[in-house]
Protein backbone atom coordinates (compact mmCIF):
# COMPACT_ATOMS: atom_id res chain seq x y z
CA UNK A 1 168.54 86.01 71.97
CA UNK A 2 168.88 89.19 73.99
CA UNK A 3 172.31 89.81 75.53
CA UNK A 4 172.97 92.20 78.38
CA UNK A 5 174.71 95.49 77.80
CA UNK A 6 176.76 97.23 80.52
CA UNK A 7 173.67 98.81 82.04
CA UNK A 8 171.78 95.52 82.25
CA UNK A 9 174.71 93.79 83.90
CA UNK A 10 175.30 96.60 86.36
CA UNK A 11 171.66 96.60 87.44
CA UNK A 12 171.66 92.85 88.09
CA UNK A 13 175.03 92.90 89.88
CA UNK A 14 173.90 95.75 92.12
CA UNK A 15 170.70 93.91 92.96
CA UNK A 16 172.71 90.84 94.00
CA UNK A 17 174.84 92.94 96.36
CA UNK A 18 171.77 94.62 97.78
CA UNK A 19 170.02 91.30 98.37
CA UNK A 20 173.13 89.76 99.93
CA UNK A 21 173.15 92.52 102.54
CA UNK A 22 169.42 92.11 103.15
CA UNK A 23 169.87 88.39 103.85
CA UNK A 24 172.84 89.12 106.12
CA UNK A 25 170.80 91.60 108.14
CA UNK A 26 167.83 89.23 108.36
CA UNK A 27 169.98 86.32 109.57
CA UNK A 28 171.64 88.66 112.10
CA UNK A 29 168.26 89.65 113.47
CA UNK A 30 168.49 93.21 112.16
CA UNK A 31 165.43 92.77 109.93
CA UNK A 32 162.15 91.29 111.16
CA UNK A 33 160.23 88.66 109.21
CA UNK A 34 157.73 91.30 108.12
CA UNK A 35 160.53 93.62 106.96
CA UNK A 36 162.35 90.86 105.09
CA UNK A 37 159.31 89.36 103.39
CA UNK A 38 158.83 92.00 100.65
CA UNK A 39 162.60 92.07 100.06
CA UNK A 40 162.89 88.35 99.46
CA UNK A 41 159.74 88.31 97.32
CA UNK A 42 161.22 90.98 95.08
CA UNK A 43 164.03 88.49 94.43
CA UNK A 44 161.86 85.43 93.79
CA UNK A 45 162.18 83.75 97.18
CA UNK A 46 159.13 82.09 98.73
CA UNK A 47 158.90 80.17 101.98
CA UNK A 48 157.21 76.93 101.05
CA UNK A 49 155.91 73.96 103.00
CA UNK A 50 159.25 72.16 103.27
CA UNK A 51 161.89 74.75 102.41
CA UNK A 52 162.41 78.05 100.58
CA UNK A 53 161.57 78.06 96.88
CA UNK A 54 163.52 80.25 94.47
CA UNK A 55 161.88 81.17 91.17
CA UNK A 56 164.41 82.08 88.47
CA UNK A 57 163.30 84.29 85.59
CA UNK A 58 163.43 82.96 82.04
CA UNK A 59 162.20 85.97 80.02
CA UNK A 60 159.71 84.93 77.34
CA UNK A 61 160.97 81.37 77.79
CA UNK A 62 164.34 81.72 76.05
CA UNK A 63 167.57 80.20 77.33
CA UNK A 64 171.07 79.82 75.96
CA UNK A 65 173.05 76.62 76.34
CA UNK A 66 175.38 78.46 78.71
CA UNK A 67 172.47 79.52 80.89
CA UNK A 68 170.95 76.05 81.08
CA UNK A 69 174.34 74.59 82.00
CA UNK A 70 174.49 77.12 84.82
CA UNK A 71 171.00 76.16 86.00
CA UNK A 72 172.07 72.52 86.03
CA UNK A 73 175.16 73.40 88.06
CA UNK A 74 173.16 75.47 90.53
CA UNK A 75 170.56 72.73 90.99
CA UNK A 76 173.31 70.23 91.76
CA UNK A 77 175.31 72.52 94.04
CA UNK A 78 172.56 74.25 95.99
CA UNK A 79 169.47 72.07 95.62
CA UNK A 80 168.64 68.39 95.12
CA UNK A 81 169.93 68.14 91.55
CA UNK A 82 166.69 69.02 89.81
CA UNK A 83 164.48 71.99 88.99
CA UNK A 84 160.85 72.52 88.07
CA UNK A 85 159.87 74.39 84.89
CA UNK A 86 156.65 76.33 85.41
CA UNK A 87 153.73 77.33 83.19
CA UNK A 88 155.16 80.85 83.07
CA UNK A 89 158.35 79.51 81.49
CA UNK A 90 160.47 80.03 84.63
CA UNK A 91 162.56 77.58 86.65
CA UNK A 92 161.84 76.89 90.31
CA UNK A 93 164.28 75.41 92.83
CA UNK A 94 162.37 73.73 95.65
CA UNK A 95 165.11 73.06 98.21
CA UNK A 96 167.66 75.92 98.40
CA UNK A 97 168.91 77.10 101.78
CA UNK A 98 168.11 80.71 102.57
CA UNK A 99 171.73 81.51 103.35
CA UNK A 100 172.76 80.18 99.92
CA UNK A 101 170.35 82.28 97.88
CA UNK A 102 172.68 85.31 97.52
CA UNK A 103 175.35 83.00 96.07
CA UNK A 104 172.78 81.50 93.69
CA UNK A 105 171.79 84.94 92.45
CA UNK A 106 175.47 85.86 92.07
CA UNK A 107 176.07 82.78 89.93
CA UNK A 108 172.99 83.55 87.84
CA UNK A 109 174.30 87.06 87.21
CA UNK A 110 177.41 85.61 85.56
CA UNK A 111 175.19 84.22 82.77
CA UNK A 112 172.81 87.20 82.49
CA UNK A 113 170.06 85.73 84.65
CA UNK A 114 168.25 86.77 87.81
CA UNK A 115 165.12 86.20 89.91
CA UNK A 116 163.89 89.81 89.91
CA UNK A 117 160.09 90.28 89.83
CA UNK A 118 159.33 86.58 89.67
CA UNK A 119 157.08 87.08 92.69
CA UNK A 120 155.42 89.90 94.59
CA UNK A 121 152.78 92.40 93.50
CA UNK A 122 154.56 93.61 90.40
CA UNK A 123 154.71 92.95 86.66
CA UNK A 124 155.97 89.38 86.33
CA UNK A 125 157.84 87.55 83.59
CA UNK A 126 156.66 88.44 80.06
CA UNK A 127 155.62 85.28 78.21
CA UNK A 128 155.10 84.35 74.58
CA UNK A 129 154.84 81.46 72.13
CA UNK A 130 157.57 78.83 72.54
CA UNK A 131 157.90 78.70 68.75
CA UNK A 132 158.34 82.46 68.33
CA UNK A 133 160.58 83.23 65.38
CA UNK A 134 160.23 79.81 63.73
CA UNK A 135 156.48 79.09 63.57
CA UNK A 136 155.07 78.89 60.01
CA UNK A 137 151.87 80.63 61.15
CA UNK A 138 153.79 83.56 62.61
CA UNK A 139 152.70 86.99 61.38
CA UNK A 140 155.15 88.95 63.51
CA UNK A 141 158.03 87.75 65.68
CA UNK A 142 156.96 89.17 69.08
CA UNK A 143 160.22 88.61 70.96
CA UNK A 144 161.69 92.08 70.41
CA UNK A 145 158.51 93.65 71.77
CA UNK A 146 158.53 91.19 74.67
CA UNK A 147 162.06 92.31 75.51
CA UNK A 148 161.12 95.98 75.29
CA UNK A 149 158.18 95.37 77.64
CA UNK A 150 160.50 93.45 79.98
CA UNK A 151 162.93 96.34 80.15
CA UNK A 152 160.13 98.86 80.70
CA UNK A 153 158.50 96.83 83.47
CA UNK A 154 161.67 95.89 85.36
CA UNK A 155 162.12 98.16 88.39
CA UNK A 156 159.35 100.47 87.15
CA UNK A 157 159.00 102.63 90.29
CA UNK A 158 155.30 103.32 89.82
CA UNK A 159 154.40 99.65 89.59
CA UNK A 160 156.58 98.13 92.32
CA UNK A 161 153.65 97.64 94.70
CA UNK A 162 150.51 96.92 92.70
CA UNK A 163 147.31 95.66 94.33
CA UNK A 164 148.26 92.16 93.13
CA UNK A 165 150.62 90.34 90.76
CA UNK A 166 150.37 91.33 87.10
CA UNK A 167 151.03 89.18 84.03
CA UNK A 168 151.51 90.15 80.38
CA UNK A 169 151.64 87.82 77.36
CA UNK A 170 152.40 88.66 73.73
CA UNK A 171 151.59 86.67 70.60
CA UNK A 172 152.34 87.13 66.90
CA UNK A 173 150.82 83.99 65.38
CA UNK A 174 147.53 83.03 63.77
CA UNK A 175 147.03 80.34 66.42
CA UNK A 176 147.45 81.77 69.91
CA UNK A 177 149.86 79.60 71.88
CA UNK A 178 150.62 82.30 74.46
CA UNK A 179 147.08 82.13 75.96
CA UNK A 180 146.71 85.91 75.78
CA UNK A 181 143.07 85.78 76.90
CA UNK A 182 143.95 84.55 80.38
CA UNK A 183 146.44 87.30 81.19
CA UNK A 184 146.04 90.66 82.87
CA UNK A 185 147.15 92.14 79.56
CA UNK A 186 147.32 90.12 76.36
CA UNK A 187 148.88 91.66 73.26
CA UNK A 188 148.07 90.07 69.91
CA UNK A 189 150.31 91.44 67.14
CA UNK A 190 149.11 91.50 63.55
CA UNK A 191 149.55 93.34 60.23
CA UNK A 192 146.72 95.80 59.59
CA UNK A 193 145.09 96.78 56.29
CA UNK A 194 147.79 99.40 55.74
CA UNK A 195 150.46 96.69 56.09
CA UNK A 196 151.60 98.18 59.39
CA UNK A 197 152.31 96.34 62.63
CA UNK A 198 149.41 96.72 65.04
CA UNK A 199 148.22 95.22 68.30
CA UNK A 200 144.88 93.84 69.49
CA UNK A 201 144.87 94.41 73.24
CA UNK A 202 143.10 92.12 75.71
CA UNK A 203 142.66 93.01 79.36
CA UNK A 204 141.28 91.51 82.55
CA UNK A 205 141.94 87.82 81.97
CA UNK A 206 143.04 85.49 84.72
CA UNK A 207 142.30 82.21 86.43
CA UNK A 208 142.51 81.60 90.18
CA UNK A 209 139.48 81.82 92.47
CA UNK A 210 137.47 83.79 89.90
CA UNK A 211 138.39 82.59 86.40
CA UNK A 212 137.67 85.16 83.69
CA UNK A 213 138.72 85.32 80.06
CA UNK A 214 139.99 88.72 79.00
CA UNK A 215 138.01 91.26 77.00
CA UNK A 216 139.26 93.26 74.02
CA UNK A 217 139.91 96.82 75.15
CA UNK A 218 141.36 98.01 71.85
CA UNK A 219 141.12 96.31 68.45
CA UNK A 220 143.85 98.39 66.82
CA UNK A 221 146.82 99.90 68.61
CA UNK A 222 149.82 101.18 66.69
CA UNK A 223 152.88 99.25 67.86
CA UNK A 224 154.74 102.42 68.84
CA UNK A 225 152.27 102.87 71.70
CA UNK A 226 152.58 99.42 73.25
CA UNK A 227 154.31 100.71 76.38
CA UNK A 228 152.25 103.85 76.84
CA UNK A 229 148.98 101.94 76.49
CA UNK A 230 150.16 99.27 78.93
CA UNK A 231 151.18 102.06 81.27
CA UNK A 232 147.72 103.61 81.05
CA UNK A 233 146.09 100.25 81.84
CA UNK A 234 148.33 99.56 84.81
CA UNK A 235 147.88 103.12 86.13
CA UNK A 236 144.09 102.76 86.17
CA UNK A 237 144.44 99.39 87.87
CA UNK A 238 146.96 100.72 90.37
CA UNK A 239 144.63 103.59 91.26
CA UNK A 240 141.36 101.65 91.58
CA UNK A 241 142.35 98.01 92.20
CA UNK A 242 141.25 96.71 95.58
CA UNK A 243 143.87 96.48 98.30
CA UNK A 244 141.52 95.45 101.11
CA UNK A 245 140.90 91.92 99.83
CA UNK A 246 143.61 89.82 98.17
CA UNK A 247 140.96 87.60 96.56
CA UNK A 248 139.45 90.58 94.76
CA UNK A 249 142.62 92.49 93.98
CA UNK A 250 143.39 91.29 90.44
CA UNK A 251 142.64 93.56 87.50
CA UNK A 252 140.01 91.09 86.26
CA UNK A 253 137.82 91.99 89.25
CA UNK A 254 138.17 95.71 88.53
CA UNK A 255 137.33 95.26 84.84
CA UNK A 256 134.31 93.14 85.73
CA UNK A 257 133.12 95.64 88.35
CA UNK A 258 133.46 98.68 86.09
CA UNK A 259 132.51 96.96 82.85
CA UNK A 260 134.85 96.92 79.87
CA UNK A 261 133.47 100.13 78.37
CA UNK A 262 133.95 102.21 81.53
CA UNK A 263 137.36 100.67 82.13
CA UNK A 264 138.32 101.49 78.55
CA UNK A 265 137.10 105.08 78.98
CA UNK A 266 139.35 105.54 81.99
CA UNK A 267 142.31 103.95 80.22
CA UNK A 268 141.84 106.11 77.13
CA UNK A 269 141.63 109.22 79.33
CA UNK A 270 144.88 108.27 81.05
CA UNK A 271 146.49 107.35 77.76
CA UNK A 272 145.76 110.82 76.37
CA UNK A 273 148.46 112.09 78.75
CA UNK A 274 150.93 109.36 77.78
CA UNK A 275 150.41 108.71 74.08
CA UNK A 276 153.40 110.65 72.79
CA UNK A 277 155.44 110.57 76.00
CA UNK A 278 159.09 109.37 76.09
CA UNK A 279 157.95 105.74 76.42
CA UNK A 280 156.66 105.85 72.85
CA UNK A 281 158.74 103.23 71.03
CA UNK A 282 160.79 104.48 68.10
CA UNK A 283 161.80 102.62 64.95
CA UNK A 284 165.42 102.90 66.12
CA UNK A 285 164.68 101.31 69.49
CA UNK A 286 162.71 98.45 67.97
CA UNK A 287 165.52 97.85 65.47
CA UNK A 288 168.14 97.92 68.25
CA UNK A 289 166.39 95.21 70.23
CA UNK A 290 165.28 93.23 67.18
CA UNK A 291 168.92 92.72 66.19
CA UNK A 292 169.18 90.27 69.07
CA UNK A 293 166.51 88.11 67.42
CA UNK A 294 167.73 88.02 63.85
CA UNK A 295 167.29 84.78 61.92
CA UNK A 296 169.73 82.03 62.74
CA UNK A 297 172.42 81.14 60.17
CA UNK A 298 170.25 78.53 58.49
CA UNK A 299 171.68 76.38 55.73
CA UNK A 300 169.86 75.97 52.46
CA UNK A 301 168.22 72.58 52.75
CA UNK A 302 165.67 70.62 50.73
CA UNK A 303 162.24 70.21 52.26
CA UNK A 304 162.84 66.49 52.66
CA UNK A 305 165.81 64.46 53.86
CA UNK A 306 166.48 60.89 52.77
CA UNK A 307 168.11 59.80 56.04
CA UNK A 308 165.20 61.17 58.07
CA UNK A 309 162.65 59.45 55.83
CA UNK A 310 164.57 56.17 56.07
CA UNK A 311 164.69 56.38 59.88
CA UNK A 312 160.95 57.02 60.01
CA UNK A 313 160.27 54.05 57.76
CA UNK A 314 162.56 51.62 59.58
CA UNK A 315 162.18 52.61 63.24
CA UNK A 316 158.62 52.62 64.65
CA UNK A 317 159.75 54.11 67.98
CA UNK A 318 161.41 57.03 66.23
CA UNK A 319 158.39 57.48 63.98
CA UNK A 320 156.05 57.61 67.01
CA UNK A 321 158.25 60.22 68.66
CA UNK A 322 158.50 62.27 65.47
CA UNK A 323 154.72 62.29 65.07
CA UNK A 324 154.18 63.89 68.49
CA UNK A 325 157.39 65.81 69.17
CA UNK A 326 158.31 67.48 65.88
CA UNK A 327 156.77 70.75 64.76
CA UNK A 328 156.74 72.52 61.42
CA UNK A 329 159.38 75.18 60.84
CA UNK A 330 159.23 78.20 58.56
CA UNK A 331 162.61 77.25 57.08
CA UNK A 332 162.74 74.25 54.75
CA UNK A 333 164.74 71.32 56.09
CA UNK A 334 164.32 72.26 59.78
CA UNK A 335 161.97 71.27 62.58
CA UNK A 336 161.29 72.46 66.10
CA UNK A 337 161.59 69.66 68.68
CA UNK A 338 159.75 69.33 71.97
CA UNK A 339 161.66 67.36 74.59
CA UNK A 340 159.14 65.86 76.98
CA UNK A 341 159.51 66.56 80.70
CA UNK A 342 156.56 64.21 81.28
CA UNK A 343 157.92 60.66 81.40
CA UNK A 344 155.34 58.45 83.04
CA UNK A 345 155.81 58.15 86.79
CA UNK A 346 157.62 61.43 87.45
CA UNK A 347 156.56 64.95 88.42
CA UNK A 348 155.53 66.86 85.27
CA UNK A 349 157.89 69.72 84.45
CA UNK A 350 160.83 68.48 86.50
CA UNK A 351 164.29 68.15 84.95
CA UNK A 352 167.37 66.75 86.65
CA UNK A 353 170.73 68.49 86.56
CA UNK A 354 171.96 65.75 84.24
CA UNK A 355 169.03 66.35 81.89
CA UNK A 356 169.63 70.10 81.89
CA UNK A 357 173.24 69.57 80.89
CA UNK A 358 172.16 67.12 78.19
CA UNK A 359 169.61 69.52 76.73
CA UNK A 360 172.17 72.33 76.84
CA UNK A 361 174.58 70.12 74.90
CA UNK A 362 171.88 69.24 72.37
CA UNK A 363 171.05 72.90 71.88
CA UNK A 364 174.73 73.73 71.43
CA UNK A 365 175.31 70.96 68.91
CA UNK A 366 172.04 70.96 66.99
CA UNK A 367 170.07 74.19 67.61
CA UNK A 368 172.42 77.20 67.46
CA UNK A 369 172.97 77.19 71.23
CA UNK A 370 169.43 78.23 72.13
CA UNK A 371 166.35 76.55 73.57
CA UNK A 372 162.96 77.50 74.93
CA UNK A 373 160.65 76.59 77.81
CA UNK A 374 157.02 75.98 76.85
CA UNK A 375 153.87 77.01 78.67
CA UNK A 376 153.17 73.26 78.84
CA UNK A 377 156.33 72.72 80.93
CA UNK A 378 158.48 71.07 78.29
CA UNK A 379 161.75 72.14 76.62
CA UNK A 380 162.09 73.12 72.97
CA UNK A 381 164.95 72.92 70.48
CA UNK A 382 163.68 75.37 67.90
CA UNK A 383 166.09 74.90 64.97
CA UNK A 384 167.06 71.30 64.26
CA UNK A 385 167.96 70.01 60.80
CA UNK A 386 165.98 67.05 59.49
CA UNK A 387 169.23 65.16 59.07
CA UNK A 388 170.05 65.60 62.80
CA UNK A 389 166.70 64.53 64.24
CA UNK A 390 167.51 60.84 64.63
CA UNK A 391 170.68 61.64 66.59
CA UNK A 392 168.77 64.11 68.78
CA UNK A 393 166.13 61.47 69.48
CA UNK A 394 168.70 58.84 70.41
CA UNK A 395 170.44 61.11 72.88
CA UNK A 396 167.22 62.48 74.34
CA UNK A 397 165.77 58.99 74.71
CA UNK A 398 168.82 57.80 76.62
CA UNK A 399 168.16 60.51 79.20
CA UNK A 400 164.39 60.14 79.58
CA UNK A 401 163.51 63.14 77.42
CA UNK A 402 161.81 61.46 74.47
CA UNK A 403 158.49 60.15 75.76
CA UNK A 404 156.26 60.46 72.65
CA UNK A 405 153.31 61.94 74.54
CA UNK A 406 153.40 65.60 73.51
CA UNK A 407 149.81 66.82 73.31
CA UNK A 408 148.45 63.55 74.67
CA UNK A 409 146.72 62.77 77.95
CA UNK A 410 149.90 62.20 79.96
CA UNK A 411 151.50 65.46 78.80
CA UNK A 412 149.98 66.90 81.97
CA UNK A 413 150.32 70.51 83.12
CA UNK A 414 150.75 70.33 86.88
CA UNK A 415 151.72 72.70 89.69
CA UNK A 416 153.98 71.46 92.54
CA UNK A 417 150.91 71.24 94.79
CA UNK A 418 150.81 70.23 98.43
CA UNK A 419 154.12 68.37 98.30
CA UNK A 420 155.82 71.77 98.23
CA UNK A 421 153.49 74.77 98.14
CA UNK A 422 152.24 76.15 101.45
CA UNK A 423 149.16 77.58 99.69
CA UNK A 424 148.00 74.26 98.25
CA UNK A 425 144.94 72.45 99.57
CA UNK A 426 145.96 69.11 98.08
CA UNK A 427 148.80 67.29 96.37
CA UNK A 428 149.02 67.55 92.58
CA UNK A 429 152.04 65.44 91.65
CA UNK A 430 150.74 62.09 92.99
CA UNK A 431 147.50 62.60 91.05
CA UNK A 432 149.44 63.29 87.85
CA UNK A 433 151.61 60.20 88.39
CA UNK A 434 148.58 58.00 89.11
CA UNK A 435 146.87 59.17 85.92
CA UNK A 436 150.04 58.55 83.92
CA UNK A 437 150.18 55.01 85.30
CA UNK A 438 146.48 54.46 84.48
CA UNK A 439 147.18 55.41 80.86
CA UNK A 440 150.64 53.89 80.52
CA UNK A 441 149.96 52.55 77.03
CA UNK A 442 151.19 54.74 74.20
CA UNK A 443 149.05 53.02 71.57
CA UNK A 444 145.95 53.76 73.66
CA UNK A 445 147.07 57.35 74.20
CA UNK A 446 147.50 57.85 70.47
CA UNK A 447 144.02 56.43 69.87
CA UNK A 448 142.56 58.93 72.35
CA UNK A 449 144.36 61.70 70.49
CA UNK A 450 145.05 65.30 71.40
CA UNK A 451 143.78 66.21 74.84
CA UNK A 452 144.92 68.57 77.58
CA UNK A 453 144.74 67.63 81.26
CA UNK A 454 145.69 70.31 83.79
CA UNK A 455 146.02 69.92 87.57
CA UNK A 456 146.11 72.63 90.27
CA UNK A 457 146.59 72.04 93.98
CA UNK A 458 144.49 75.05 95.00
CA UNK A 459 142.30 77.86 93.72
CA UNK A 460 145.34 79.93 92.72
CA UNK A 461 145.25 77.75 89.58
CA UNK A 462 148.99 77.62 88.90
CA UNK A 463 148.26 74.44 86.92
CA UNK A 464 145.68 76.32 84.79
CA UNK A 465 143.00 73.70 85.42
CA UNK A 466 140.24 76.06 84.27
CA UNK A 467 141.44 75.91 80.66
CA UNK A 468 142.23 72.20 80.52
CA UNK A 469 140.05 69.96 78.38
CA UNK A 470 139.97 68.05 81.65
CA UNK A 471 140.76 70.16 84.70
CA UNK A 472 141.48 68.87 88.19
CA UNK A 473 141.44 71.13 91.25
CA UNK A 474 142.63 70.04 94.69
CA UNK A 475 140.25 71.14 97.46
CA UNK A 476 140.20 70.78 101.22
CA UNK A 477 137.19 69.22 102.96
CA UNK A 478 137.43 68.88 106.73
CA UNK A 479 141.20 68.48 106.54
CA UNK A 480 141.09 65.86 103.77
CA UNK A 481 142.27 66.16 100.19
CA UNK A 482 139.58 65.95 97.50
CA UNK A 483 139.56 66.75 93.79
CA UNK A 484 137.04 68.67 91.76
CA UNK A 485 136.82 67.83 88.05
CA UNK A 486 135.83 70.07 85.15
CA UNK A 487 135.65 69.52 81.40
CA UNK A 488 135.44 71.80 78.38
CA UNK A 489 138.22 74.26 79.11
CA UNK A 490 140.50 75.32 76.29
CA UNK A 491 143.33 77.72 75.55
CA UNK A 492 143.97 79.36 72.20
CA UNK A 493 141.90 81.55 69.89
CA UNK A 494 138.61 79.95 70.95
CA UNK A 495 139.49 79.80 74.63
CA UNK A 496 136.87 78.66 77.13
CA UNK A 497 136.58 77.89 80.83
CA UNK A 498 135.70 74.39 81.96
CA UNK A 499 132.48 73.39 83.73
CA UNK A 500 132.54 71.38 86.97
CA UNK A 501 130.92 68.00 86.47
CA UNK A 502 129.74 67.51 90.06
CA UNK A 503 130.86 66.56 93.58
CA UNK A 504 134.56 66.04 94.17
CA UNK A 505 136.51 62.79 94.49
CA UNK A 506 139.14 61.24 96.68
CA UNK A 507 142.68 60.87 95.41
CA UNK A 508 142.26 57.12 94.97
CA UNK A 509 139.28 57.64 92.66
CA UNK A 510 140.92 60.08 90.29
CA UNK A 511 142.47 57.65 87.76
CA UNK A 512 139.15 55.84 87.33
CA UNK A 513 137.28 59.15 87.04
CA UNK A 514 139.53 60.26 84.18
CA UNK A 515 139.14 56.81 82.62
CA UNK A 516 135.35 57.16 82.68
CA UNK A 517 135.54 60.57 81.04
CA UNK A 518 137.69 59.07 78.30
CA UNK A 519 135.26 56.13 77.93
CA UNK A 520 132.41 58.54 77.18
CA UNK A 521 134.51 60.37 74.62
CA UNK A 522 135.59 57.18 72.82
CA UNK A 523 132.01 55.98 72.70
CA UNK A 524 130.41 59.24 71.56
CA UNK A 525 133.04 60.86 69.34
CA UNK A 526 132.65 61.28 65.61
CA UNK A 527 135.67 60.36 63.46
CA UNK A 528 136.94 63.93 63.21
CA UNK A 529 136.34 64.98 66.81
CA UNK A 530 138.91 65.58 69.52
CA UNK A 531 137.92 65.32 73.18
CA UNK A 532 137.25 69.06 73.45
CA UNK A 533 134.95 68.94 70.41
CA UNK A 534 132.89 66.10 71.86
CA UNK A 535 132.73 67.77 75.25
CA UNK A 536 131.49 71.00 73.70
CA UNK A 537 128.93 69.21 71.52
CA UNK A 538 127.49 67.01 74.26
CA UNK A 539 127.94 69.23 77.29
CA UNK A 540 128.61 67.99 80.80
CA UNK A 541 125.54 65.74 81.24
CA UNK A 542 126.65 62.45 79.60
CA UNK A 543 130.11 62.65 81.17
CA UNK A 544 128.62 63.33 84.58
CA UNK A 545 126.08 60.52 84.22
CA UNK A 546 128.77 57.95 83.47
CA UNK A 547 131.21 59.12 86.14
CA UNK A 548 128.50 59.04 88.83
CA UNK A 549 126.80 55.91 87.54
CA UNK A 550 127.90 54.06 90.64
CA UNK A 551 125.67 55.66 93.27
CA UNK A 552 128.03 54.69 96.04
CA UNK A 553 130.73 56.75 94.32
CA UNK A 554 128.36 59.70 94.12
CA UNK A 555 127.65 59.40 97.84
CA UNK A 556 131.36 59.41 98.60
CA UNK A 557 131.89 62.59 96.59
CA UNK A 558 131.78 65.80 98.57
CA UNK A 559 130.29 68.91 97.00
CA UNK A 560 132.47 72.02 97.19
């Protein structure tokens, strides 16, 4: 993975010193709240419902064992011994003290980490596929380009105060796992007919109050121009994006207002001035950064392993875990492993300090000292030998990290919601826990099959409910918490936005509502259909009819 050079380290160290002085001046009364707010946001510090929240950057989801150990130490020393992994592959601390945050950033800097541009109206963390570099369907490893984009966007003076936050995702696989269509800019790398690396560029995607899937602005972009074309897009947005209304400030609103053709015309005009500018990426620069992502020192292994096969045959619990948690690897004799942060009855995406240390140890011993954070809020060991998988499972299971529910109904994507976030209209975590308890039967979950359930506590959609097969949105009605339900959303190549099934529900009703949706699916599915397939084939009507069959329930629901 990428390692800092002297310039990188100096920049981060200087930012820590700068921020330390800003906090000192604020606590001394020398800076007002309004003056301090943009300064703390530039360093990932929010003021939440209960306490400050610090969002720590994990660029394109990659961590070293050393870094995760440090995160575990920080969570224990400065927080409540846990952290929350987000859908943008970052780590959030929910309980740090303001006066401790400079020390936290200083400790992060010792392991080449920071919280720069994890909040505020700037270009945020660059994200990509959690299996980048090891996925069998990978056409191009996008991590070097992700790192180049990260370096370009960090402290870019022209884009330090955009109309709104800005998110970029890159993908190099046949199956899009980076959800490029729901980002402000999505970059899909491929090999063109001339056997050259090229990029399909998406623009104007985003969820929130106005969910929109991105549109293709350019089918073929030579890879050398990735930065200059991004710069042209962001310049047009920066010039014309609305600053008078935060709800209409995202680039998706501008693209929709202008239309993709007019937006493209303006971008191409701007790009004409930038195309061969100094930000054009050279072969030498790509090679310099790509060296950090060279293939691991894999051993030559057979495609099968007798000890692994024997463990599968003799241990049903291990076999169930392997079925859901192991992923194909491009190197024979290896697998990628997802460690579930979704044990039933706990907040999805949370990991204790003890668990962080355990995963760091597992990565060090079994996966070349590296791990990844997934968009689905789990942790990944990308390079594990078949012969080591049983030992990994045993250790992970002992620490609550081996729930075999990856891709199943209880592998819920969930924002922190009203328990923490001051923007939330309703709690998310208790709803997730209640649904997990409703479906606390792994045999039943396996029968239901692959399904994605996403929960957001407000219209900001941090839980990506719009693209969940089942999406749940917390809403406020006369000071009470209610939940709106949608079905038919999906991420990936054939992404779609869900449709609301009808009036919203109380918190107590949510487990039974999800149960009724599942009942319709199990009754109506064909043998080869997943939930999303049945939902798309039948539409909302039969699901709605069954959920609202009890008229008294329909009367209790409140339309929003």
